[in-house]
Amino acid sequence: MTSPNATTCRTQPVEPGSYGCSSTVTDFPQAERDGVITRMIEFAISSTKDQAAPLIGVYDHAALASEEAEVRYLLGDIPGAISALHTSLRHRPTTERRSRAILLARLAELQLRAGRLDQAITTWHHFLDEFPALSCGRAITALKTMRACLRPYARSPAAASVLHHAATLTTPTTAPRRTARSPG
């Protein structure tokens, strides 16, 4: 879900890939793109009554909504991606702290991209509240991405508050290194 250079904020639209012709996904009307996404989602959660294409197992609604958010983002539908992330968070149990935190960071990133600085800041504060309980590379990457995204807004008191909150956190890259004791 994150780009290879995740420490930079994605402020420019992603150029969707070509599908073997000169058309790209964004060449199609928004209603047609929404229709394709809706049909994909309906198929993914449909029952196994259709024996021609039975589904194996069950796909979690929270995970499906998260995947929908990424598809919508790649298609240029930022409001739809934000809505899908809200849905994913609603369906994700509070016990799934790591997943919820990563989703919160992604949601804040998209909110900022949509020009909703105040919402993004509130969401990033929620992410930072969860961060101390996490120990994973994706959370550290999300923290670095947050700092990069908010750097241009550092003069805003609200953004400065989030950056200050982030500065108080200890990550494996900022924690003091343990040194081996010499024998003796």
C-alpha atoms as a PDB file:
ATOM      1  CA  MET A   1       0.000   0.000   0.000  1.00  0.00           C
ATOM      2  CA  THR A   2       2.919   2.349   0.395  1.00  0.00           C
ATOM      3  CA  SER A   3       5.171   3.567  -2.350  1.00  0.00           C
ATOM      4  CA  PRO A   4       8.841   2.561  -2.490  1.00  0.00           C
ATOM      5  CA  ASN A   5       9.737   6.126  -1.490  1.00  0.00           C
ATOM      6  CA  ALA A   6       7.285   6.320   1.393  1.00  0.00           C
ATOM      7  CA  THR A   7       9.005   9.193   3.163  1.00  0.00           C
ATOM      8  CA  THR A   8       7.700  11.656   0.606  1.00  0.00           C
ATOM      9  CA  CYS A   9       4.130  12.804   0.697  1.00  0.00           C
ATOM     10  CA  ARG A  10       2.021  11.907  -2.295  1.00  0.00           C
ATOM     11  CA  THR A  11       0.734  15.338  -3.262  1.00  0.00           C
ATOM     12  CA  GLN A  12       0.450  14.777  -7.012  1.00  0.00           C
ATOM     13  CA  PRO A  13      -2.063  12.408  -8.624  1.00  0.00           C
ATOM     14  CA  VAL A  14      -0.821   8.951  -9.487  1.00  0.00           C
ATOM     15  CA  GLU A  15      -0.606   8.334 -13.203  1.00  0.00           C
ATOM     16  CA  PRO A  16      -2.532   5.113 -13.735  1.00  0.00           C
ATOM     17  CA  GLY A  17      -0.886   2.508 -15.898  1.00  0.00           C
ATOM     18  CA  SER A  18      -1.888   1.868 -19.453  1.00  0.00           C
ATOM     19  CA  TYR A  19      -3.884  -1.242 -20.286  1.00  0.00           C
ATOM     20  CA  GLY A  20      -2.167  -2.198 -23.539  1.00  0.00           C
ATOM     21  CA  CYS A  21      -3.635   0.712 -25.485  1.00  0.00           C
ATOM     22  CA  SER A  22      -3.480   4.484 -25.430  1.00  0.00           C
ATOM     23  CA  SER A  23      -6.335   4.731 -22.924  1.00  0.00           C
ATOM     24  CA  THR A  24      -5.748   4.949 -19.216  1.00  0.00           C
ATOM     25  CA  VAL A  25      -8.179   4.337 -16.390  1.00  0.00           C
ATOM     26  CA  THR A  26      -8.816   8.058 -16.000  1.00  0.00           C
ATOM     27  CA  ASP A  27      -9.947   8.317 -19.638  1.00  0.00           C
ATOM     28  CA  PHE A  28     -13.191   6.622 -18.635  1.00  0.00           C
ATOM     29  CA  PRO A  29     -16.040   8.612 -17.067  1.00  0.00           C
ATOM     30  CA  GLN A  30     -16.185   8.575 -13.251  1.00  0.00           C
ATOM     31  CA  ALA A  31     -19.585   6.852 -13.313  1.00  0.00           C
ATOM     32  CA  GLU A  32     -18.154   4.023 -15.425  1.00  0.00           C
ATOM     33  CA  ARG A  33     -15.161   3.631 -13.063  1.00  0.00           C
ATOM     34  CA  ASP A  34     -17.512   3.582 -10.058  1.00  0.00           C
ATOM     35  CA  GLY A  35     -19.627   0.933 -11.801  1.00  0.00           C
ATOM     36  CA  VAL A  36     -16.612  -1.304 -12.346  1.00  0.00           C
ATOM     37  CA  ILE A  37     -15.553  -0.946  -8.706  1.00  0.00           C
ATOM     38  CA  THR A  38     -19.083  -1.649  -7.500  1.00  0.00           C
ATOM     39  CA  ARG A  39     -19.330  -4.788  -9.654  1.00  0.00           C
ATOM     40  CA  MET A  40     -15.934  -5.996  -8.382  1.00  0.00           C
ATOM     41  CA  ILE A  41     -16.982  -5.490  -4.773  1.00  0.00           C
ATOM     42  CA  GLU A  42     -20.371  -7.138  -5.269  1.00  0.00           C
ATOM     43  CA  PHE A  43     -18.680 -10.155  -6.823  1.00  0.00           C
ATOM     44  CA  ALA A  44     -16.146 -10.397  -3.995  1.00  0.00           C
ATOM     45  CA  ILE A  45     -18.833 -10.483  -1.291  1.00  0.00           C
ATOM     46  CA  SER A  46     -21.448 -12.462  -3.188  1.00  0.00           C
ATOM     47  CA  SER A  47     -22.530 -15.838  -1.938  1.00  0.00           C
ATOM     48  CA  THR A  48     -21.313 -19.066  -3.492  1.00  0.00           C
ATOM     49  CA  LYS A  49     -24.688 -19.691  -5.159  1.00  0.00           C
ATOM     50  CA  ASP A  50     -23.050 -19.065  -8.538  1.00  0.00           C
ATOM     51  CA  GLN A  51     -21.423 -22.442  -9.150  1.00  0.00           C
ATOM     52  CA  ALA A  52     -19.609 -21.163 -12.250  1.00  0.00           C
ATOM     53  CA  ALA A  53     -17.351 -18.975 -10.070  1.00  0.00           C
ATOM     54  CA  PRO A  54     -17.565 -20.120  -6.453  1.00  0.00           C
ATOM     55  CA  LEU A  55     -15.723 -18.132  -3.841  1.00  0.00           C
ATOM     56  CA  ILE A  56     -13.364 -19.913  -1.515  1.00  0.00           C
ATOM     57  CA  GLY A  57     -13.596 -18.818   2.098  1.00  0.00           C
ATOM     58  CA  VAL A  58     -14.762 -15.479   3.368  1.00  0.00           C
ATOM     59  CA  TYR A  59     -13.189 -12.089   2.761  1.00  0.00           C
ATOM     60  CA  ASP A  60     -13.258  -9.775   5.756  1.00  0.00           C
ATOM     61  CA  HIS A  61     -15.303  -6.595   5.191  1.00  0.00           C
ATOM     62  CA  ALA A  62     -12.607  -4.415   6.766  1.00  0.00           C
ATOM     63  CA  ALA A  63      -9.928  -5.860   4.492  1.00  0.00           C
ATOM     64  CA  LEU A  64     -12.161  -5.555   1.437  1.00  0.00           C
ATOM     65  CA  ALA A  65     -12.884  -1.900   2.212  1.00  0.00           C
ATOM     66  CA  SER A  66      -9.149  -1.275   2.625  1.00  0.00           C
ATOM     67  CA  GLU A  67      -8.465  -2.821  -0.782  1.00  0.00           C
ATOM     68  CA  GLU A  68     -11.327  -0.805  -2.275  1.00  0.00           C
ATOM     69  CA  ALA A  69      -9.706   2.359  -0.898  1.00  0.00           C
ATOM     70  CA  GLU A  70      -6.447   1.601  -2.693  1.00  0.00           C
ATOM     71  CA  VAL A  71      -8.250   0.852  -5.975  1.00  0.00           C
ATOM     72  CA  ARG A  72     -10.229   4.082  -5.703  1.00  0.00           C
ATOM     73  CA  TYR A  73      -7.033   5.994  -4.926  1.00  0.00           C
ATOM     74  CA  LEU A  74      -5.299   4.545  -7.980  1.00  0.00           C
ATOM     75  CA  LEU A  75      -8.306   5.498 -10.100  1.00  0.00           C
ATOM     76  CA  GLY A  76      -8.083   9.061  -8.837  1.00  0.00           C
ATOM     77  CA  ASP A  77     -11.175   8.871  -6.621  1.00  0.00           C
ATOM     78  CA  ILE A  78      -9.763  10.388  -3.420  1.00  0.00           C
ATOM     79  CA  PRO A  79     -13.173  11.044  -1.770  1.00  0.00           C
ATOM     80  CA  GLY A  80     -14.188   7.440  -2.495  1.00  0.00           C
ATOM     81  CA  ALA A  81     -10.890   6.179  -1.066  1.00  0.00           C
ATOM     82  CA  ILE A  82     -11.430   8.221   2.101  1.00  0.00           C
ATOM     83  CA  SER A  83     -14.954   6.840   2.452  1.00  0.00           C
ATOM     84  CA  ALA A  84     -13.711   3.269   1.987  1.00  0.00           C
ATOM     85  CA  LEU A  85     -11.024   3.767   4.656  1.00  0.00           C
ATOM     86  CA  HIS A  86     -13.686   5.026   7.076  1.00  0.00           C
ATOM     87  CA  THR A  87     -15.678   1.865   6.305  1.00  0.00           C
ATOM     88  CA  SER A  88     -12.618  -0.304   6.899  1.00  0.00           C
ATOM     89  CA  LEU A  89     -11.973   1.367  10.250  1.00  0.00           C
ATOM     90  CA  ARG A  90     -15.622   0.889  11.270  1.00  0.00           C
ATOM     91  CA  HIS A  91     -15.442  -2.854  10.539  1.00  0.00           C
ATOM     92  CA  ARG A  92     -11.973  -3.443  11.990  1.00  0.00           C
ATOM     93  CA  PRO A  93     -11.945  -4.607  15.641  1.00  0.00           C
ATOM     94  CA  THR A  94     -10.178  -2.374  18.153  1.00  0.00           C
ATOM     95  CA  THR A  95      -7.944  -5.329  19.002  1.00  0.00           C
ATOM     96  CA  GLU A  96      -6.296  -5.013  15.575  1.00  0.00           C
ATOM     97  CA  ARG A  97      -4.207  -2.052  16.698  1.00  0.00           C
ATOM     98  CA  ARG A  98      -1.492  -2.267  14.059  1.00  0.00           C
ATOM     99  CA  SER A  99      -3.911  -2.506  11.156  1.00  0.00           C
ATOM    100  CA  ARG A 100      -6.065   0.305  12.554  1.00  0.00           C
ATOM    101  CA  ALA A 101      -3.028   2.542  13.056  1.00  0.00           C
ATOM    102  CA  ILE A 102      -1.761   1.963   9.513  1.00  0.00           C
ATOM    103  CA  LEU A 103      -5.250   2.701   8.168  1.00  0.00           C
ATOM    104  CA  LEU A 104      -5.427   5.885  10.243  1.00  0.00           C
ATOM    105  CA  ALA A 105      -2.107   7.070   8.818  1.00  0.00           C
ATOM    106  CA  ARG A 106      -3.242   6.325   5.267  1.00  0.00           C
ATOM    107  CA  LEU A 107      -6.583   8.057   5.888  1.00  0.00           C
ATOM    108  CA  ALA A 108      -4.816  11.170   7.196  1.00  0.00           C
ATOM    109  CA  GLU A 109      -2.530  11.209   4.165  1.00  0.00           C
ATOM    110  CA  LEU A 110      -5.517  11.124   1.809  1.00  0.00           C
ATOM    111  CA  GLN A 111      -7.409  13.716   3.853  1.00  0.00           C
ATOM    112  CA  LEU A 112      -4.453  16.077   3.511  1.00  0.00           C
ATOM    113  CA  ARG A 113      -4.256  15.374  -0.182  1.00  0.00           C
ATOM    114  CA  ALA A 114      -7.948  16.258  -0.467  1.00  0.00           C
ATOM    115  CA  GLY A 115      -7.233  19.595   1.206  1.00  0.00           C
ATOM    116  CA  ARG A 116      -8.734  18.667   4.579  1.00  0.00           C
ATOM    117  CA  LEU A 117      -5.820  19.702   6.811  1.00  0.00           C
ATOM    118  CA  ASP A 118      -7.856  19.853  10.030  1.00  0.00           C
ATOM    119  CA  GLN A 119      -9.291  16.355   9.515  1.00  0.00           C
ATOM    120  CA  ALA A 120      -5.846  14.992   8.606  1.00  0.00           C
ATOM    121  CA  ILE A 121      -4.327  16.462  11.753  1.00  0.00           C
ATOM    122  CA  THR A 122      -7.041  14.939  13.951  1.00  0.00           C
ATOM    123  CA  THR A 123      -6.567  11.568  12.265  1.00  0.00           C
ATOM    124  CA  TRP A 124      -2.769  11.733  12.612  1.00  0.00           C
ATOM    125  CA  HIS A 125      -3.149  12.480  16.330  1.00  0.00           C
ATOM    126  CA  HIS A 126      -5.184   9.246  16.620  1.00  0.00           C
ATOM    127  CA  PHE A 127      -2.407   7.405  14.742  1.00  0.00           C
ATOM    128  CA  LEU A 128       0.226   8.851  17.086  1.00  0.00           C
ATOM    129  CA  ASP A 129      -1.820   7.786  20.118  1.00  0.00           C
ATOM    130  CA  GLU A 130      -1.593   4.187  18.874  1.00  0.00           C
ATOM    131  CA  PHE A 131       2.049   4.374  17.757  1.00  0.00           C
ATOM    132  CA  PRO A 132       3.808   3.630  21.104  1.00  0.00           C
ATOM    133  CA  ALA A 133       2.125   0.215  21.288  1.00  0.00           C
ATOM    134  CA  LEU A 134       3.376  -0.751  17.823  1.00  0.00           C
ATOM    135  CA  SER A 135       6.609  -2.330  16.761  1.00  0.00           C
ATOM    136  CA  CYS A 136       6.631  -2.661  12.998  1.00  0.00           C
ATOM    137  CA  GLY A 137       8.305  -1.164   9.977  1.00  0.00           C
ATOM    138  CA  ARG A 138       5.026  -0.047   8.403  1.00  0.00           C
ATOM    139  CA  ALA A 139       4.228   2.121  11.432  1.00  0.00           C
ATOM    140  CA  ILE A 140       7.680   3.707  11.322  1.00  0.00           C
ATOM    141  CA  THR A 141       7.285   4.325   7.587  1.00  0.00           C
ATOM    142  CA  ALA A 142       3.868   5.887   8.227  1.00  0.00           C
ATOM    143  CA  LEU A 143       5.417   8.151  10.866  1.00  0.00           C
ATOM    144  CA  LYS A 144       8.131   9.271   8.426  1.00  0.00           C
ATOM    145  CA  THR A 145       5.521   9.867   5.729  1.00  0.00           C
ATOM    146  CA  MET A 146       3.441  11.926   8.152  1.00  0.00           C
ATOM    147  CA  ARG A 147       6.431  14.120   8.989  1.00  0.00           C
ATOM    148  CA  ALA A 148       7.208  14.642   5.296  1.00  0.00           C
ATOM    149  CA  CYS A 149       3.593  15.470   4.485  1.00  0.00           C
ATOM    150  CA  LEU A 150       3.261  17.978   7.322  1.00  0.00           C
ATOM    151  CA  ARG A 151       6.627  19.667   6.851  1.00  0.00           C
ATOM    152  CA  PRO A 152       5.155  22.269   4.421  1.00  0.00           C
ATOM    153  CA  TYR A 153       2.493  23.113   7.043  1.00  0.00           C
ATOM    154  CA  ALA A 154       4.879  23.364  10.012  1.00  0.00           C
ATOM    155  CA  ARG A 155       3.928  27.021  10.634  1.00  0.00           C
ATOM    156  CA  SER A 156       0.321  26.022  11.224  1.00  0.00           C
ATOM    157  CA  PRO A 157      -0.231  25.652  14.992  1.00  0.00           C
ATOM    158  CA  ALA A 158      -2.270  22.483  14.470  1.00  0.00           C
ATOM    159  CA  ALA A 159       0.374  20.888  12.235  1.00  0.00           C
ATOM    160  CA  ALA A 160       3.122  21.982  14.627  1.00  0.00           C
ATOM    161  CA  SER A 161       1.204  20.249  17.421  1.00  0.00           C
ATOM    162  CA  VAL A 162       1.182  16.946  15.518  1.00  0.00           C
ATOM    163  CA  LEU A 163       4.855  17.295  14.626  1.00  0.00           C
ATOM    164  CA  HIS A 164       5.664  17.999  18.281  1.00  0.00           C
ATOM    165  CA  HIS A 165       3.596  14.971  19.337  1.00  0.00           C
ATOM    166  CA  ALA A 166       5.552  12.861  16.823  1.00  0.00           C
ATOM    167  CA  ALA A 167       8.879  14.224  18.089  1.00  0.00           C
ATOM    168  CA  THR A 168       8.109  12.937  21.580  1.00  0.00           C
ATOM    169  CA  LEU A 169       7.814   9.357  20.336  1.00  0.00           C
ATOM    170  CA  THR A 170      10.736   6.979  20.373  1.00  0.00           C
ATOM    171  CA  THR A 171      11.201   4.771  17.341  1.00  0.00           C
ATOM    172  CA  PRO A 172      13.801   2.048  16.873  1.00  0.00           C
ATOM    173  CA  THR A 173      15.768   4.479  14.674  1.00  0.00           C
ATOM    174  CA  THR A 174      15.768   7.215  17.342  1.00  0.00           C
ATOM    175  CA  ALA A 175      16.166   5.074  20.453  1.00  0.00           C
ATOM    176  CA  PRO A 176      19.609   4.979  22.054  1.00  0.00           C
ATOM    177  CA  ARG A 177      21.632   2.019  20.859  1.00  0.00           C
ATOM    178  CA  ARG A 178      22.599  -0.641  23.306  1.00  0.00           C
ATOM    179  CA  THR A 179      26.272  -1.323  23.414  1.00  0.00           C
ATOM    180  CA  ALA A 180      27.821  -4.626  24.266  1.00  0.00           C
ATOM    181  CA  ARG A 181      29.541  -4.651  27.608  1.00  0.00           C
ATOM    182  CA  SER A 182      33.169  -5.495  27.579  1.00  0.00           C
ATOM    183  CA  PRO A 183      34.078  -8.649  29.472  1.00  0.00           C
ATOM    184  CA  GLY A 184      35.606  -8.227  32.779  1.00  0.00           C
END
